[in-house]
Amino acid sequence: MPKMKTNRGAAKRFRRTGSGGLKRAQSFRRHILTKKSTKRKRHLRDDAVVAPCDMKMINRLLPYV
């Protein structure tokens, strides 16, 4: 069989962790930041882990990552 294609949009958004999970960036950090508290914006800087229920779909988009 031919090689599967990686979804390039997904490849730019997710990174594999050491234990095999996936890291993703937080949303709500792009614009309209004045009304958000400093604490809220600070916590949004950290990466989040992809939920287990979404892993199957994302693994299909990233077959070799």
PDB file of N, CA and C in Angstrom:
ATOM      1  N   MET A   1       0.828  -1.197   0.000  1.00  0.00           N
ATOM      2  CA  MET A   1       0.000   0.000   0.000  1.00  0.00           C
ATOM      3  C   MET A   1       0.868   1.254   0.000  1.00  0.00           C
ATOM      4  N   PRO A   2       0.387   2.330  -0.578  1.00  0.00           N
ATOM      5  CA  PRO A   2       1.162   3.572  -0.536  1.00  0.00           C
ATOM      6  C   PRO A   2       1.145   4.177   0.854  1.00  0.00           C
ATOM      7  N   LYS A   3       2.063   5.078   1.058  1.00  0.00           N
ATOM      8  CA  LYS A   3       2.118   5.770   2.341  1.00  0.00           C
ATOM      9  C   LYS A   3       0.890   6.652   2.505  1.00  0.00           C
ATOM     10  N   MET A   4       0.458   6.822   3.755  1.00  0.00           N
ATOM     11  CA  MET A   4      -0.661   7.708   4.044  1.00  0.00           C
ATOM     12  C   MET A   4      -0.152   9.137   4.130  1.00  0.00           C
ATOM     13  N   LYS A   5      -1.011  10.095   3.804  1.00  0.00           N
ATOM     14  CA  LYS A   5      -0.633  11.495   3.885  1.00  0.00           C
ATOM     15  C   LYS A   5      -0.973  12.044   5.257  1.00  0.00           C
ATOM     16  N   THR A   6      -0.052  12.820   5.807  1.00  0.00           N
ATOM     17  CA  THR A   6      -0.281  13.533   7.054  1.00  0.00           C
ATOM     18  C   THR A   6      -1.075  14.792   6.758  1.00  0.00           C
ATOM     19  N   ASN A   7      -2.068  15.087   7.574  1.00  0.00           N
ATOM     20  CA  ASN A   7      -2.813  16.337   7.451  1.00  0.00           C
ATOM     21  C   ASN A   7      -1.908  17.451   7.962  1.00  0.00           C
ATOM     22  N   ARG A   8      -1.487  18.335   7.060  1.00  0.00           N
ATOM     23  CA  ARG A   8      -0.487  19.344   7.415  1.00  0.00           C
ATOM     24  C   ARG A   8      -1.021  20.368   8.406  1.00  0.00           C
ATOM     25  N   GLY A   9      -2.320  20.666   8.336  1.00  0.00           N
ATOM     26  CA  GLY A   9      -2.899  21.595   9.308  1.00  0.00           C
ATOM     27  C   GLY A   9      -2.835  21.029  10.710  1.00  0.00           C
ATOM     28  N   ALA A  10      -3.112  19.738  10.846  1.00  0.00           N
ATOM     29  CA  ALA A  10      -3.053  19.091  12.161  1.00  0.00           C
ATOM     30  C   ALA A  10      -1.620  18.961  12.645  1.00  0.00           C
ATOM     31  N   ALA A  11      -0.688  18.723  11.726  1.00  0.00           N
ATOM     32  CA  ALA A  11       0.716  18.564  12.108  1.00  0.00           C
ATOM     33  C   ALA A  11       1.271  19.843  12.721  1.00  0.00           C
ATOM     34  N   LYS A  12       0.756  20.996  12.302  1.00  0.00           N
ATOM     35  CA  LYS A  12       1.220  22.265  12.851  1.00  0.00           C
ATOM     36  C   LYS A  12       0.589  22.576  14.193  1.00  0.00           C
ATOM     37  N   ARG A  13      -0.500  21.899  14.544  1.00  0.00           N
ATOM     38  CA  ARG A  13      -1.248  22.230  15.751  1.00  0.00           C
ATOM     39  C   ARG A  13      -1.008  21.291  16.925  1.00  0.00           C
ATOM     40  N   PHE A  14      -0.502  20.080  16.661  1.00  0.00           N
ATOM     41  CA  PHE A  14      -0.343  19.086  17.715  1.00  0.00           C
ATOM     42  C   PHE A  14       1.091  18.597  17.758  1.00  0.00           C
ATOM     43  N   ARG A  15       1.552  18.295  18.999  1.00  0.00           N
ATOM     44  CA  ARG A  15       2.873  17.704  19.194  1.00  0.00           C
ATOM     45  C   ARG A  15       2.729  16.492  20.098  1.00  0.00           C
ATOM     46  N   ARG A  16       3.513  15.471  19.825  1.00  0.00           N
ATOM     47  CA  ARG A  16       3.472  14.241  20.606  1.00  0.00           C
ATOM     48  C   ARG A  16       4.239  14.439  21.918  1.00  0.00           C
ATOM     49  N   THR A  17       3.715  13.914  23.010  1.00  0.00           N
ATOM     50  CA  THR A  17       4.404  13.966  24.297  1.00  0.00           C
ATOM     51  C   THR A  17       5.268  12.726  24.446  1.00  0.00           C
ATOM     52  N   GLY A  18       6.086  12.702  25.485  1.00  0.00           N
ATOM     53  CA  GLY A  18       6.974  11.565  25.707  1.00  0.00           C
ATOM     54  C   GLY A  18       6.228  10.278  25.982  1.00  0.00           C
ATOM     55  N   SER A  19       5.069  10.377  26.608  1.00  0.00           N
ATOM     56  CA  SER A  19       4.303   9.184  26.954  1.00  0.00           C
ATOM     57  C   SER A  19       3.307   8.794  25.863  1.00  0.00           C
ATOM     58  N   GLY A  20       3.331   9.485  24.717  1.00  0.00           N
ATOM     59  CA  GLY A  20       2.475   9.100  23.608  1.00  0.00           C
ATOM     60  C   GLY A  20       1.205   9.908  23.476  1.00  0.00           C
ATOM     61  N   GLY A  21       0.987  10.873  24.352  1.00  0.00           N
ATOM     62  CA  GLY A  21      -0.190  11.724  24.243  1.00  0.00           C
ATOM     63  C   GLY A  21       0.023  12.821  23.218  1.00  0.00           C
ATOM     64  N   LEU A  22      -0.893  13.751  23.162  1.00  0.00           N
ATOM     65  CA  LEU A  22      -0.766  14.873  22.235  1.00  0.00           C
ATOM     66  C   LEU A  22      -0.956  16.179  22.997  1.00  0.00           C
ATOM     67  N   LYS A  23      -0.083  17.148  22.713  1.00  0.00           N
ATOM     68  CA  LYS A  23      -0.206  18.480  23.287  1.00  0.00           C
ATOM     69  C   LYS A  23      -0.837  19.402  22.268  1.00  0.00           C
ATOM     70  N   ARG A  24      -1.587  20.379  22.761  1.00  0.00           N
ATOM     71  CA  ARG A  24      -2.199  21.368  21.886  1.00  0.00           C
ATOM     72  C   ARG A  24      -2.152  22.710  22.590  1.00  0.00           C
ATOM     73  N   ALA A  25      -2.279  23.778  21.811  1.00  0.00           N
ATOM     74  CA  ALA A  25      -2.302  25.123  22.381  1.00  0.00           C
ATOM     75  C   ALA A  25      -3.715  25.429  22.869  1.00  0.00           C
ATOM     76  N   GLN A  26      -3.813  26.370  23.806  1.00  0.00           N
ATOM     77  CA  GLN A  26      -5.110  26.787  24.317  1.00  0.00           C
ATOM     78  C   GLN A  26      -5.754  27.766  23.340  1.00  0.00           C
ATOM     79  N   SER A  27      -7.062  27.780  23.333  1.00  0.00           N
ATOM     80  CA  SER A  27      -7.786  28.754  22.516  1.00  0.00           C
ATOM     81  C   SER A  27      -8.065  30.005  23.353  1.00  0.00           C
ATOM     82  N   PHE A  28      -8.714  30.989  22.757  1.00  0.00           N
ATOM     83  CA  PHE A  28      -9.103  32.246  23.402  1.00  0.00           C
ATOM     84  C   PHE A  28      -7.906  33.127  23.754  1.00  0.00           C
ATOM     85  N   ARG A  29      -6.827  33.074  22.966  1.00  0.00           N
ATOM     86  CA  ARG A  29      -5.659  33.897  23.237  1.00  0.00           C
ATOM     87  C   ARG A  29      -5.318  34.819  22.068  1.00  0.00           C
ATOM     88  N   ARG A  30      -6.173  34.930  21.045  1.00  0.00           N
ATOM     89  CA  ARG A  30      -5.799  35.643  19.829  1.00  0.00           C
ATOM     90  C   ARG A  30      -6.157  37.123  19.855  1.00  0.00           C
ATOM     91  N   HIS A  31      -7.352  37.450  20.279  1.00  0.00           N
ATOM     92  CA  HIS A  31      -7.798  38.838  20.228  1.00  0.00           C
ATOM     93  C   HIS A  31      -8.831  39.048  21.332  1.00  0.00           C
ATOM     94  N   ILE A  32      -9.294  40.292  21.474  1.00  0.00           N
ATOM     95  CA  ILE A  32     -10.208  40.704  22.553  1.00  0.00           C
ATOM     96  C   ILE A  32      -9.595  40.314  23.904  1.00  0.00           C
ATOM     97  N   LEU A  33      -8.357  40.751  24.110  1.00  0.00           N
ATOM     98  CA  LEU A  33      -7.632  40.363  25.322  1.00  0.00           C
ATOM     99  C   LEU A  33      -7.790  41.377  26.448  1.00  0.00           C
ATOM    100  N   THR A  34      -8.327  42.555  26.156  1.00  0.00           N
ATOM    101  CA  THR A  34      -8.383  43.592  27.186  1.00  0.00           C
ATOM    102  C   THR A  34      -9.360  43.238  28.293  1.00  0.00           C
ATOM    103  N   LYS A  35     -10.433  42.558  27.956  1.00  0.00           N
ATOM    104  CA  LYS A  35     -11.420  42.233  28.996  1.00  0.00           C
ATOM    105  C   LYS A  35     -11.066  40.976  29.778  1.00  0.00           C
ATOM    106  N   LYS A  36     -10.047  40.254  29.356  1.00  0.00           N
ATOM    107  CA  LYS A  36      -9.642  39.043  30.051  1.00  0.00           C
ATOM    108  C   LYS A  36      -8.602  39.390  31.108  1.00  0.00           C
ATOM    109  N   SER A  37      -8.700  38.733  32.235  1.00  0.00           N
ATOM    110  CA  SER A  37      -7.794  39.052  33.347  1.00  0.00           C
ATOM    111  C   SER A  37      -6.386  38.544  33.038  1.00  0.00           C
ATOM    112  N   THR A  38      -5.421  39.129  33.725  1.00  0.00           N
ATOM    113  CA  THR A  38      -4.033  38.731  33.546  1.00  0.00           C
ATOM    114  C   THR A  38      -3.842  37.273  33.931  1.00  0.00           C
ATOM    115  N   LYS A  39      -4.494  36.856  34.990  1.00  0.00           N
ATOM    116  CA  LYS A  39      -4.385  35.461  35.432  1.00  0.00           C
ATOM    117  C   LYS A  39      -4.928  34.513  34.363  1.00  0.00           C
ATOM    118  N   ARG A  40      -6.063  34.877  33.778  1.00  0.00           N
ATOM    119  CA  ARG A  40      -6.666  34.032  32.746  1.00  0.00           C
ATOM    120  C   ARG A  40      -5.749  33.918  31.545  1.00  0.00           C
ATOM    121  N   LYS A  41      -5.168  35.040  31.110  1.00  0.00           N
ATOM    122  CA  LYS A  41      -4.273  35.019  29.961  1.00  0.00           C
ATOM    123  C   LYS A  41      -3.001  34.235  30.261  1.00  0.00           C
ATOM    124  N   ARG A  42      -2.510  34.335  31.481  1.00  0.00           N
ATOM    125  CA  ARG A  42      -1.307  33.614  31.881  1.00  0.00           C
ATOM    126  C   ARG A  42      -1.537  32.103  31.836  1.00  0.00           C
ATOM    127  N   HIS A  43      -2.686  31.662  32.307  1.00  0.00           N
ATOM    128  CA  HIS A  43      -2.985  30.221  32.291  1.00  0.00           C
ATOM    129  C   HIS A  43      -3.227  29.710  30.869  1.00  0.00           C
ATOM    130  N   LEU A  44      -3.652  30.581  29.977  1.00  0.00           N
ATOM    131  CA  LEU A  44      -3.884  30.167  28.594  1.00  0.00           C
ATOM    132  C   LEU A  44      -2.583  29.979  27.815  1.00  0.00           C
ATOM    133  N   ARG A  45      -1.459  30.463  28.373  1.00  0.00           N
ATOM    134  CA  ARG A  45      -0.180  30.277  27.703  1.00  0.00           C
ATOM    135  C   ARG A  45       0.250  28.817  27.694  1.00  0.00           C
ATOM    136  N   ASP A  46      -0.104  28.077  28.720  1.00  0.00           N
ATOM    137  CA  ASP A  46       0.346  26.696  28.859  1.00  0.00           C
ATOM    138  C   ASP A  46      -0.330  25.799  27.827  1.00  0.00           C
ATOM    139  N   ASP A  47       0.388  24.762  27.418  1.00  0.00           N
ATOM    140  CA  ASP A  47      -0.199  23.773  26.521  1.00  0.00           C
ATOM    141  C   ASP A  47      -1.176  22.902  27.286  1.00  0.00           C
ATOM    142  N   ALA A  48      -2.161  22.386  26.585  1.00  0.00           N
ATOM    143  CA  ALA A  48      -3.126  21.461  27.161  1.00  0.00           C
ATOM    144  C   ALA A  48      -2.935  20.094  26.506  1.00  0.00           C
ATOM    145  N   VAL A  49      -3.428  19.065  27.167  1.00  0.00           N
ATOM    146  CA  VAL A  49      -3.348  17.710  26.635  1.00  0.00           C
ATOM    147  C   VAL A  49      -4.664  17.391  25.942  1.00  0.00           C
ATOM    148  N   VAL A  50      -4.588  16.750  24.801  1.00  0.00           N
ATOM    149  CA  VAL A  50      -5.787  16.377  24.048  1.00  0.00           C
ATOM    150  C   VAL A  50      -6.555  15.322  24.842  1.00  0.00           C
ATOM    151  N   ALA A  51      -7.862  15.462  24.891  1.00  0.00           N
ATOM    152  CA  ALA A  51      -8.713  14.534  25.631  1.00  0.00           C
ATOM    153  C   ALA A  51      -8.688  13.156  24.976  1.00  0.00           C
ATOM    154  N   PRO A  52      -8.795  12.100  25.782  1.00  0.00           N
ATOM    155  CA  PRO A  52      -8.761  10.734  25.221  1.00  0.00           C
ATOM    156  C   PRO A  52      -9.849  10.473  24.183  1.00  0.00           C
ATOM    157  N   CYS A  53     -11.011  11.103  24.322  1.00  0.00           N
ATOM    158  CA  CYS A  53     -12.093  10.859  23.367  1.00  0.00           C
ATOM    159  C   CYS A  53     -11.781  11.445  21.999  1.00  0.00           C
ATOM    160  N   ASP A  54     -10.846  12.382  21.905  1.00  0.00           N
ATOM    161  CA  ASP A  54     -10.478  12.985  20.621  1.00  0.00           C
ATOM    162  C   ASP A  54      -9.233  12.358  19.998  1.00  0.00           C
ATOM    163  N   MET A  55      -8.552  11.487  20.720  1.00  0.00           N
ATOM    164  CA  MET A  55      -7.280  10.943  20.249  1.00  0.00           C
ATOM    165  C   MET A  55      -7.446  10.114  18.969  1.00  0.00           C
ATOM    166  N   LYS A  56      -8.519   9.344  18.866  1.00  0.00           N
ATOM    167  CA  LYS A  56      -8.687   8.469  17.708  1.00  0.00           C
ATOM    168  C   LYS A  56      -8.774   9.287  16.416  1.00  0.00           C
ATOM    169  N   MET A  57      -9.528  10.378  16.455  1.00  0.00           N
ATOM    170  CA  MET A  57      -9.692  11.208  15.278  1.00  0.00           C
ATOM    171  C   MET A  57      -8.370  11.876  14.888  1.00  0.00           C
ATOM    172  N   ILE A  58      -7.638  12.393  15.869  1.00  0.00           N
ATOM    173  CA  ILE A  58      -6.398  13.105  15.569  1.00  0.00           C
ATOM    174  C   ILE A  58      -5.315  12.134  15.115  1.00  0.00           C
ATOM    175  N   ASN A  59      -5.303  10.926  15.670  1.00  0.00           N
ATOM    176  CA  ASN A  59      -4.319   9.938  15.226  1.00  0.00           C
ATOM    177  C   ASN A  59      -4.536   9.551  13.769  1.00  0.00           C
ATOM    178  N   ARG A  60      -5.768   9.638  13.275  1.00  0.00           N
ATOM    179  CA  ARG A  60      -6.029   9.377  11.866  1.00  0.00           C
ATOM    180  C   ARG A  60      -5.423  10.472  10.993  1.00  0.00           C
ATOM    181  N   LEU A  61      -5.436  11.708  11.494  1.00  0.00           N
ATOM    182  CA  LEU A  61      -4.878  12.822  10.731  1.00  0.00           C
ATOM    183  C   LEU A  61      -3.346  12.814  10.752  1.00  0.00           C
ATOM    184  N   LEU A  62      -2.771  12.210  11.784  1.00  0.00           N
ATOM    185  CA  LEU A  62      -1.315  12.205  11.967  1.00  0.00           C
ATOM    186  C   LEU A  62      -0.806  10.774  12.045  1.00  0.00           C
ATOM    187  N   PRO A  63      -0.751  10.055  10.942  1.00  0.00           N
ATOM    188  CA  PRO A  63      -0.382   8.631  11.014  1.00  0.00           C
ATOM    189  C   PRO A  63       1.056   8.376  11.414  1.00  0.00           C
ATOM    190  N   TYR A  64       1.971   9.311  11.165  1.00  0.00           N
ATOM    191  CA  TYR A  64       3.400   9.053  11.427  1.00  0.00           C
ATOM    192  C   TYR A  64       3.985   9.959  12.491  1.00  0.00           C
ATOM    193  N   VAL A  65       3.162  10.749  13.156  1.00  0.00           N
ATOM    194  CA  VAL A  65       3.683  11.673  14.168  1.00  0.00           C
ATOM    195  C   VAL A  65       3.698  10.993  15.523  1.00  0.00           C
TER     196      VAL A  65
END
